């Protein structure tokens, strides 16, 4: 099962609302709400508080506090019965997206194009065609904290790439994940980790190919 979190790509919007709530959600609250939506769509029933706590590796009391905050902000309703969590805007269904190997969020890694399987993703996150998932290599830390080792990236081929978007790029036959920018010298690929230097390319350089735009970052339920 996948829970998808915001990549923070492109231009950020102020006053953002999540899940139909009346108040903005914190990043952790968005993650928990997404997890509940995906779990409910895939299983046909919501997770228990203990399942939420186990998934996010937090204690039971912390999970309760997050659920109370989501209820207070209008994103879900709760009852005292078992599995008594109701998301007010649930995902309607999920679809299977193929996993096309692994990439790095660090130095370029040799491209892997073998299909490793498929993972269910909510249709609200996976609209359209030409979508695939790739798994981030365990050594990839250049996109920290946005992307972590073992994350899955939901990629759309042929999508328009705006300034600041996260892209899957092939550099001299090897694949990496970076943010996309342009300057007067051409294209710049940057990391979210400030310790990693940017990569500069001339416009139209043959050694660089943008394979797709990352439209979601997901982590697998353990």
C-alpha atoms as a PDB file:
ATOM      1  CA  UNK A   1       0.000   0.000   0.000  1.00  0.00           C
ATOM      2  CA  UNK A   2       1.170   3.500  -0.750  1.00  0.00           C
ATOM      3  CA  UNK A   3       0.691   6.759   1.104  1.00  0.00           C
ATOM      4  CA  UNK A   4       1.594   9.744  -1.043  1.00  0.00           C
ATOM      5  CA  UNK A   5       3.007  12.943   0.342  1.00  0.00           C
ATOM      6  CA  UNK A   6       3.455  16.369  -1.164  1.00  0.00           C
ATOM      7  CA  UNK A   7       6.737  16.951  -3.020  1.00  0.00           C
ATOM      8  CA  UNK A   8       6.598  20.722  -2.580  1.00  0.00           C
ATOM      9  CA  UNK A   9       7.422  21.092  -6.275  1.00  0.00           C
ATOM     10  CA  UNK A  10       6.838  24.108  -8.434  1.00  0.00           C
ATOM     11  CA  UNK A  11       5.414  27.311  -7.013  1.00  0.00           C
ATOM     12  CA  UNK A  12       4.001  26.958  -3.533  1.00  0.00           C
ATOM     13  CA  UNK A  13       0.525  28.262  -2.900  1.00  0.00           C
ATOM     14  CA  UNK A  14      -0.460  30.075   0.243  1.00  0.00           C
ATOM     15  CA  UNK A  15      -3.598  29.265   2.177  1.00  0.00           C
ATOM     16  CA  UNK A  16      -3.649  25.669   0.988  1.00  0.00           C
ATOM     17  CA  UNK A  17      -6.439  23.430   2.285  1.00  0.00           C
ATOM     18  CA  UNK A  18      -6.325  19.640   2.480  1.00  0.00           C
ATOM     19  CA  UNK A  19      -9.135  17.109   2.646  1.00  0.00           C
ATOM     20  CA  UNK A  20     -11.902  19.683   2.621  1.00  0.00           C
ATOM     21  CA  UNK A  21     -10.909  20.882   6.079  1.00  0.00           C
ATOM     22  CA  UNK A  22     -11.448  24.379   7.371  1.00  0.00           C
ATOM     23  CA  UNK A  23      -7.856  24.733   8.570  1.00  0.00           C
ATOM     24  CA  UNK A  24      -4.449  24.003   7.066  1.00  0.00           C
ATOM     25  CA  UNK A  25      -2.939  20.631   7.912  1.00  0.00           C
ATOM     26  CA  UNK A  26       0.617  20.031   9.049  1.00  0.00           C
ATOM     27  CA  UNK A  27       2.833  17.778   6.878  1.00  0.00           C
ATOM     28  CA  UNK A  28       2.370  14.876   9.325  1.00  0.00           C
ATOM     29  CA  UNK A  29      -1.401  15.354   9.364  1.00  0.00           C
ATOM     30  CA  UNK A  30      -1.458  15.272   5.545  1.00  0.00           C
ATOM     31  CA  UNK A  31       0.551  12.037   5.604  1.00  0.00           C
ATOM     32  CA  UNK A  32      -1.808  10.407   8.102  1.00  0.00           C
ATOM     33  CA  UNK A  33      -4.896  11.548   6.202  1.00  0.00           C
ATOM     34  CA  UNK A  34      -3.448  10.181   2.955  1.00  0.00           C
ATOM     35  CA  UNK A  35      -2.618   6.870   4.650  1.00  0.00           C
ATOM     36  CA  UNK A  36      -6.176   6.529   5.982  1.00  0.00           C
ATOM     37  CA  UNK A  37      -7.615   7.311   2.542  1.00  0.00           C
ATOM     38  CA  UNK A  38      -5.440   4.752   0.753  1.00  0.00           C
ATOM     39  CA  UNK A  39      -5.961   2.073   3.411  1.00  0.00           C
ATOM     40  CA  UNK A  40      -9.734   2.579   3.284  1.00  0.00           C
ATOM     41  CA  UNK A  41      -9.870   2.487  -0.531  1.00  0.00           C
ATOM     42  CA  UNK A  42      -7.767  -0.672  -0.742  1.00  0.00           C
ATOM     43  CA  UNK A  43      -9.144  -2.642   2.216  1.00  0.00           C
ATOM     44  CA  UNK A  44     -12.746  -1.457   2.229  1.00  0.00           C
ATOM     45  CA  UNK A  45     -12.508  -0.333   5.870  1.00  0.00           C
ATOM     46  CA  UNK A  46     -10.412   2.234   7.777  1.00  0.00           C
ATOM     47  CA  UNK A  47      -7.273   1.428   9.796  1.00  0.00           C
ATOM     48  CA  UNK A  48      -7.262   1.160  13.565  1.00  0.00           C
ATOM     49  CA  UNK A  49      -5.377   3.657  15.701  1.00  0.00           C
ATOM     50  CA  UNK A  50      -2.734   1.002  16.408  1.00  0.00           C
ATOM     51  CA  UNK A  51      -2.261   0.352  12.680  1.00  0.00           C
ATOM     52  CA  UNK A  52      -1.757   4.076  12.105  1.00  0.00           C
ATOM     53  CA  UNK A  53       0.738   4.260  14.975  1.00  0.00           C
ATOM     54  CA  UNK A  54       2.646   1.208  13.681  1.00  0.00           C
ATOM     55  CA  UNK A  55       2.805   2.567  10.133  1.00  0.00           C
ATOM     56  CA  UNK A  56       4.279   5.904  11.207  1.00  0.00           C
ATOM     57  CA  UNK A  57       6.328   4.413  14.057  1.00  0.00           C
ATOM     58  CA  UNK A  58       4.753   6.687  16.648  1.00  0.00           C
ATOM     59  CA  UNK A  59       3.142   5.775  19.950  1.00  0.00           C
ATOM     60  CA  UNK A  60      -0.581   5.229  20.404  1.00  0.00           C
ATOM     61  CA  UNK A  61      -1.131   8.543  22.208  1.00  0.00           C
ATOM     62  CA  UNK A  62       0.578  10.519  19.434  1.00  0.00           C
ATOM     63  CA  UNK A  63      -1.659   8.830  16.848  1.00  0.00           C
ATOM     64  CA  UNK A  64      -4.741   9.769  18.882  1.00  0.00           C
ATOM     65  CA  UNK A  65      -3.553  13.385  19.076  1.00  0.00           C
ATOM     66  CA  UNK A  66      -3.147  13.553  15.286  1.00  0.00           C
ATOM     67  CA  UNK A  67      -6.609  12.060  14.725  1.00  0.00           C
ATOM     68  CA  UNK A  68      -8.162  14.554  17.120  1.00  0.00           C
ATOM     69  CA  UNK A  69      -6.469  17.392  15.239  1.00  0.00           C
ATOM     70  CA  UNK A  70      -7.745  16.066  11.891  1.00  0.00           C
ATOM     71  CA  UNK A  71     -11.248  15.784  13.339  1.00  0.00           C
ATOM     72  CA  UNK A  72     -11.062  19.306  14.728  1.00  0.00           C
ATOM     73  CA  UNK A  73      -9.938  20.618  11.332  1.00  0.00           C
ATOM     74  CA  UNK A  74     -12.858  18.973   9.557  1.00  0.00           C
ATOM     75  CA  UNK A  75     -10.914  16.310   7.631  1.00  0.00           C
ATOM     76  CA  UNK A  76     -12.418  13.239   9.306  1.00  0.00           C
ATOM     77  CA  UNK A  77     -15.009  12.059  11.806  1.00  0.00           C
ATOM     78  CA  UNK A  78     -14.513   9.460  14.546  1.00  0.00           C
ATOM     79  CA  UNK A  79     -16.741   7.232  16.637  1.00  0.00           C
ATOM     80  CA  UNK A  80     -16.041   5.020  19.641  1.00  0.00           C
ATOM     81  CA  UNK A  81     -16.465   1.744  17.734  1.00  0.00           C
ATOM     82  CA  UNK A  82     -13.570  -0.271  16.316  1.00  0.00           C
ATOM     83  CA  UNK A  83     -12.301   1.179  13.026  1.00  0.00           C
ATOM     84  CA  UNK A  84     -14.566   4.134  13.649  1.00  0.00           C
ATOM     85  CA  UNK A  85     -12.640   6.591  11.456  1.00  0.00           C
ATOM     86  CA  UNK A  86     -14.447   8.195   8.533  1.00  0.00           C
ATOM     87  CA  UNK A  87     -12.573  10.377   6.047  1.00  0.00           C
ATOM     88  CA  UNK A  88     -14.911  13.103   4.847  1.00  0.00           C
ATOM     89  CA  UNK A  89     -13.407  13.058   1.333  1.00  0.00           C
ATOM     90  CA  UNK A  90     -12.194   9.469   0.801  1.00  0.00           C
ATOM     91  CA  UNK A  91     -10.370   8.154  -2.245  1.00  0.00           C
ATOM     92  CA  UNK A  92     -12.890   6.432  -4.506  1.00  0.00           C
ATOM     93  CA  UNK A  93     -10.624   3.662  -5.813  1.00  0.00           C
ATOM     94  CA  UNK A  94      -7.056   2.632  -6.530  1.00  0.00           C
ATOM     95  CA  UNK A  95      -5.222   1.442  -9.631  1.00  0.00           C
ATOM     96  CA  UNK A  96      -2.050  -0.581 -10.081  1.00  0.00           C
ATOM     97  CA  UNK A  97       1.006   1.312 -11.351  1.00  0.00           C
ATOM     98  CA  UNK A  98       4.084  -0.606 -12.601  1.00  0.00           C
ATOM     99  CA  UNK A  99       7.385  -0.325 -10.730  1.00  0.00           C
ATOM    100  CA  UNK A 100      10.239   0.123 -13.222  1.00  0.00           C
ATOM    101  CA  UNK A 101      13.243  -0.534 -11.025  1.00  0.00           C
ATOM    102  CA  UNK A 102      15.283   1.789  -8.841  1.00  0.00           C
ATOM    103  CA  UNK A 103      16.922   5.196  -9.150  1.00  0.00           C
ATOM    104  CA  UNK A 104      19.066   7.356  -6.918  1.00  0.00           C
ATOM    105  CA  UNK A 105      18.417  10.682  -5.223  1.00  0.00           C
ATOM    106  CA  UNK A 106      22.165  11.202  -5.243  1.00  0.00           C
ATOM    107  CA  UNK A 107      24.847  10.614  -7.898  1.00  0.00           C
ATOM    108  CA  UNK A 108      23.382   9.128 -11.106  1.00  0.00           C
ATOM    109  CA  UNK A 109      22.683   5.401 -10.943  1.00  0.00           C
ATOM    110  CA  UNK A 110      22.718   3.037 -13.901  1.00  0.00           C
ATOM    111  CA  UNK A 111      19.208   2.953 -15.332  1.00  0.00           C
ATOM    112  CA  UNK A 112      17.039  -0.058 -14.512  1.00  0.00           C
ATOM    113  CA  UNK A 113      14.046  -0.607 -16.777  1.00  0.00           C
ATOM    114  CA  UNK A 114      12.859  -4.064 -15.750  1.00  0.00           C
ATOM    115  CA  UNK A 115       9.320  -4.136 -14.376  1.00  0.00           C
ATOM    116  CA  UNK A 116       9.566  -5.314 -10.760  1.00  0.00           C
ATOM    117  CA  UNK A 117       5.828  -5.517 -10.153  1.00  0.00           C
ATOM    118  CA  UNK A 118       2.935  -3.148  -9.535  1.00  0.00           C
ATOM    119  CA  UNK A 119       1.647  -1.188  -6.543  1.00  0.00           C
ATOM    120  CA  UNK A 120      -1.887   0.167  -5.942  1.00  0.00           C
ATOM    121  CA  UNK A 121      -2.098   3.975  -6.001  1.00  0.00           C
ATOM    122  CA  UNK A 122      -5.247   6.094  -5.481  1.00  0.00           C
ATOM    123  CA  UNK A 123      -6.773   7.167  -8.791  1.00  0.00           C
ATOM    124  CA  UNK A 124      -6.982  10.728  -7.509  1.00  0.00           C
ATOM    125  CA  UNK A 125      -3.158  10.739  -7.512  1.00  0.00           C
ATOM    126  CA  UNK A 126      -2.765   8.680 -10.681  1.00  0.00           C
ATOM    127  CA  UNK A 127      -4.902  10.435 -13.256  1.00  0.00           C
ATOM    128  CA  UNK A 128      -4.030   9.981 -16.905  1.00  0.00           C
ATOM    129  CA  UNK A 129      -1.670   7.571 -18.619  1.00  0.00           C
ATOM    130  CA  UNK A 130       2.092   7.120 -18.983  1.00  0.00           C
ATOM    131  CA  UNK A 131       2.584   6.729 -15.234  1.00  0.00           C
ATOM    132  CA  UNK A 132       5.133   4.534 -13.512  1.00  0.00           C
ATOM    133  CA  UNK A 133       6.835   4.129 -10.141  1.00  0.00           C
ATOM    134  CA  UNK A 134      10.539   3.915  -9.372  1.00  0.00           C
ATOM    135  CA  UNK A 135      12.150   3.039  -6.051  1.00  0.00           C
ATOM    136  CA  UNK A 136      14.841   5.288  -4.596  1.00  0.00           C
ATOM    137  CA  UNK A 137      18.134   3.529  -3.917  1.00  0.00           C
ATOM    138  CA  UNK A 138      19.218   3.183  -0.291  1.00  0.00           C
ATOM    139  CA  UNK A 139      22.193   5.508  -0.873  1.00  0.00           C
ATOM    140  CA  UNK A 140      20.177   8.403  -2.291  1.00  0.00           C
ATOM    141  CA  UNK A 141      20.266  11.413   0.061  1.00  0.00           C
ATOM    142  CA  UNK A 142      20.695  14.436  -2.224  1.00  0.00           C
ATOM    143  CA  UNK A 143      16.937  15.159  -2.201  1.00  0.00           C
ATOM    144  CA  UNK A 144      16.679  14.899   1.604  1.00  0.00           C
ATOM    145  CA  UNK A 145      14.326  15.694   3.312  1.00  0.00           C
ATOM    146  CA  UNK A 146      11.803  15.665   0.432  1.00  0.00           C
ATOM    147  CA  UNK A 147      12.818  12.220  -0.834  1.00  0.00           C
ATOM    148  CA  UNK A 148      14.298   9.488   1.339  1.00  0.00           C
ATOM    149  CA  UNK A 149      15.971   6.142   0.598  1.00  0.00           C
ATOM    150  CA  UNK A 150      13.417   3.408  -0.222  1.00  0.00           C
ATOM    151  CA  UNK A 151      10.720   5.947  -1.175  1.00  0.00           C
ATOM    152  CA  UNK A 152       8.734   5.296  -4.333  1.00  0.00           C
ATOM    153  CA  UNK A 153       8.368   8.086  -6.891  1.00  0.00           C
ATOM    154  CA  UNK A 154       5.241   8.403  -9.012  1.00  0.00           C
ATOM    155  CA  UNK A 155       6.453   9.675 -12.394  1.00  0.00           C
ATOM    156  CA  UNK A 156       4.495  10.974 -15.383  1.00  0.00           C
ATOM    157  CA  UNK A 157       6.216  10.687 -18.748  1.00  0.00           C
ATOM    158  CA  UNK A 158       5.905  13.550 -21.188  1.00  0.00           C
ATOM    159  CA  UNK A 159       4.507  15.946 -18.588  1.00  0.00           C
ATOM    160  CA  UNK A 160       5.324  19.634 -18.832  1.00  0.00           C
ATOM    161  CA  UNK A 161       8.115  20.602 -16.452  1.00  0.00           C
ATOM    162  CA  UNK A 162       7.772  23.873 -14.598  1.00  0.00           C
ATOM    163  CA  UNK A 163      10.471  25.743 -12.721  1.00  0.00           C
ATOM    164  CA  UNK A 164      11.308  23.950  -9.478  1.00  0.00           C
ATOM    165  CA  UNK A 165       9.573  20.683 -10.397  1.00  0.00           C
ATOM    166  CA  UNK A 166      11.172  17.394  -9.357  1.00  0.00           C
ATOM    167  CA  UNK A 167      12.212  15.373 -12.397  1.00  0.00           C
ATOM    168  CA  UNK A 168      13.597  11.978 -13.263  1.00  0.00           C
ATOM    169  CA  UNK A 169      16.623  12.723 -15.446  1.00  0.00           C
ATOM    170  CA  UNK A 170      19.002  10.554 -17.453  1.00  0.00           C
ATOM    171  CA  UNK A 171      22.584  11.834 -17.511  1.00  0.00           C
ATOM    172  CA  UNK A 172      24.963   9.983 -19.832  1.00  0.00           C
ATOM    173  CA  UNK A 173      22.801   6.872 -19.633  1.00  0.00           C
ATOM    174  CA  UNK A 174      22.362   6.951 -15.857  1.00  0.00           C
ATOM    175  CA  UNK A 175      19.290   8.064 -13.906  1.00  0.00           C
ATOM    176  CA  UNK A 176      18.943  10.519 -11.029  1.00  0.00           C
ATOM    177  CA  UNK A 177      16.288  12.667  -9.331  1.00  0.00           C
ATOM    178  CA  UNK A 178      16.671  16.456  -9.070  1.00  0.00           C
ATOM    179  CA  UNK A 179      14.775  19.742  -9.214  1.00  0.00           C
ATOM    180  CA  UNK A 180      14.601  21.406 -12.624  1.00  0.00           C
ATOM    181  CA  UNK A 181      15.576  25.046 -13.202  1.00  0.00           C
ATOM    182  CA  UNK A 182      16.651  27.205 -16.129  1.00  0.00           C
ATOM    183  CA  UNK A 183      19.198  30.025 -16.223  1.00  0.00           C
ATOM    184  CA  UNK A 184      20.877  31.978 -19.009  1.00  0.00           C
ATOM    185  CA  UNK A 185      23.425  29.178 -19.501  1.00  0.00           C
ATOM    186  CA  UNK A 186      20.815  26.447 -19.965  1.00  0.00           C
ATOM    187  CA  UNK A 187      19.380  23.892 -17.535  1.00  0.00           C
ATOM    188  CA  UNK A 188      20.309  23.454 -13.877  1.00  0.00           C
ATOM    189  CA  UNK A 189      19.475  20.336 -11.864  1.00  0.00           C
ATOM    190  CA  UNK A 190      19.535  21.008  -8.123  1.00  0.00           C
ATOM    191  CA  UNK A 191      19.310  18.898  -4.979  1.00  0.00           C
ATOM    192  CA  UNK A 192      17.172  19.728  -1.948  1.00  0.00           C
ATOM    193  CA  UNK A 193      20.148  18.784   0.220  1.00  0.00           C
ATOM    194  CA  UNK A 194      22.294  21.978   0.334  1.00  0.00           C
ATOM    195  CA  UNK A 195      25.460  19.890   0.698  1.00  0.00           C
ATOM    196  CA  UNK A 196      25.087  18.647  -2.892  1.00  0.00           C
ATOM    197  CA  UNK A 197      26.305  20.906  -5.759  1.00  0.00           C
ATOM    198  CA  UNK A 198      24.009  21.764  -8.703  1.00  0.00           C
ATOM    199  CA  UNK A 199      24.541  20.280 -12.169  1.00  0.00           C
ATOM    200  CA  UNK A 200      24.693  22.688 -15.135  1.00  0.00           C
ATOM    201  CA  UNK A 201      23.807  21.677 -18.706  1.00  0.00           C
ATOM    202  CA  UNK A 202      23.623  23.589 -21.962  1.00  0.00           C
ATOM    203  CA  UNK A 203      20.174  23.824 -23.559  1.00  0.00           C
ATOM    204  CA  UNK A 204      19.671  20.817 -25.840  1.00  0.00           C
ATOM    205  CA  UNK A 205      22.684  18.937 -24.473  1.00  0.00           C
ATOM    206  CA  UNK A 206      22.601  15.346 -25.743  1.00  0.00           C
ATOM    207  CA  UNK A 207      23.909  13.890 -22.469  1.00  0.00           C
ATOM    208  CA  UNK A 208      20.779  15.066 -20.607  1.00  0.00           C
ATOM    209  CA  UNK A 209      17.292  13.654 -21.057  1.00  0.00           C
ATOM    210  CA  UNK A 210      14.284  14.427 -18.847  1.00  0.00           C
ATOM    211  CA  UNK A 211      12.382  11.138 -18.477  1.00  0.00           C
ATOM    212  CA  UNK A 212       9.392  12.531 -16.610  1.00  0.00           C
ATOM    213  CA  UNK A 213       8.087  14.726 -13.821  1.00  0.00           C
ATOM    214  CA  UNK A 214       7.698  13.364 -10.296  1.00  0.00           C
ATOM    215  CA  UNK A 215       4.069  14.004  -9.330  1.00  0.00           C
ATOM    216  CA  UNK A 216       4.145  12.215  -5.981  1.00  0.00           C
ATOM    217  CA  UNK A 217       6.507  10.723  -3.419  1.00  0.00           C
ATOM    218  CA  UNK A 218       5.251   7.601  -1.719  1.00  0.00           C
ATOM    219  CA  UNK A 219       6.370   5.218   0.957  1.00  0.00           C
ATOM    220  CA  UNK A 220       5.420   1.577   1.200  1.00  0.00           C
ATOM    221  CA  UNK A 221       3.403   0.349   4.144  1.00  0.00           C
ATOM    222  CA  UNK A 222       5.647  -1.911   6.223  1.00  0.00           C
END
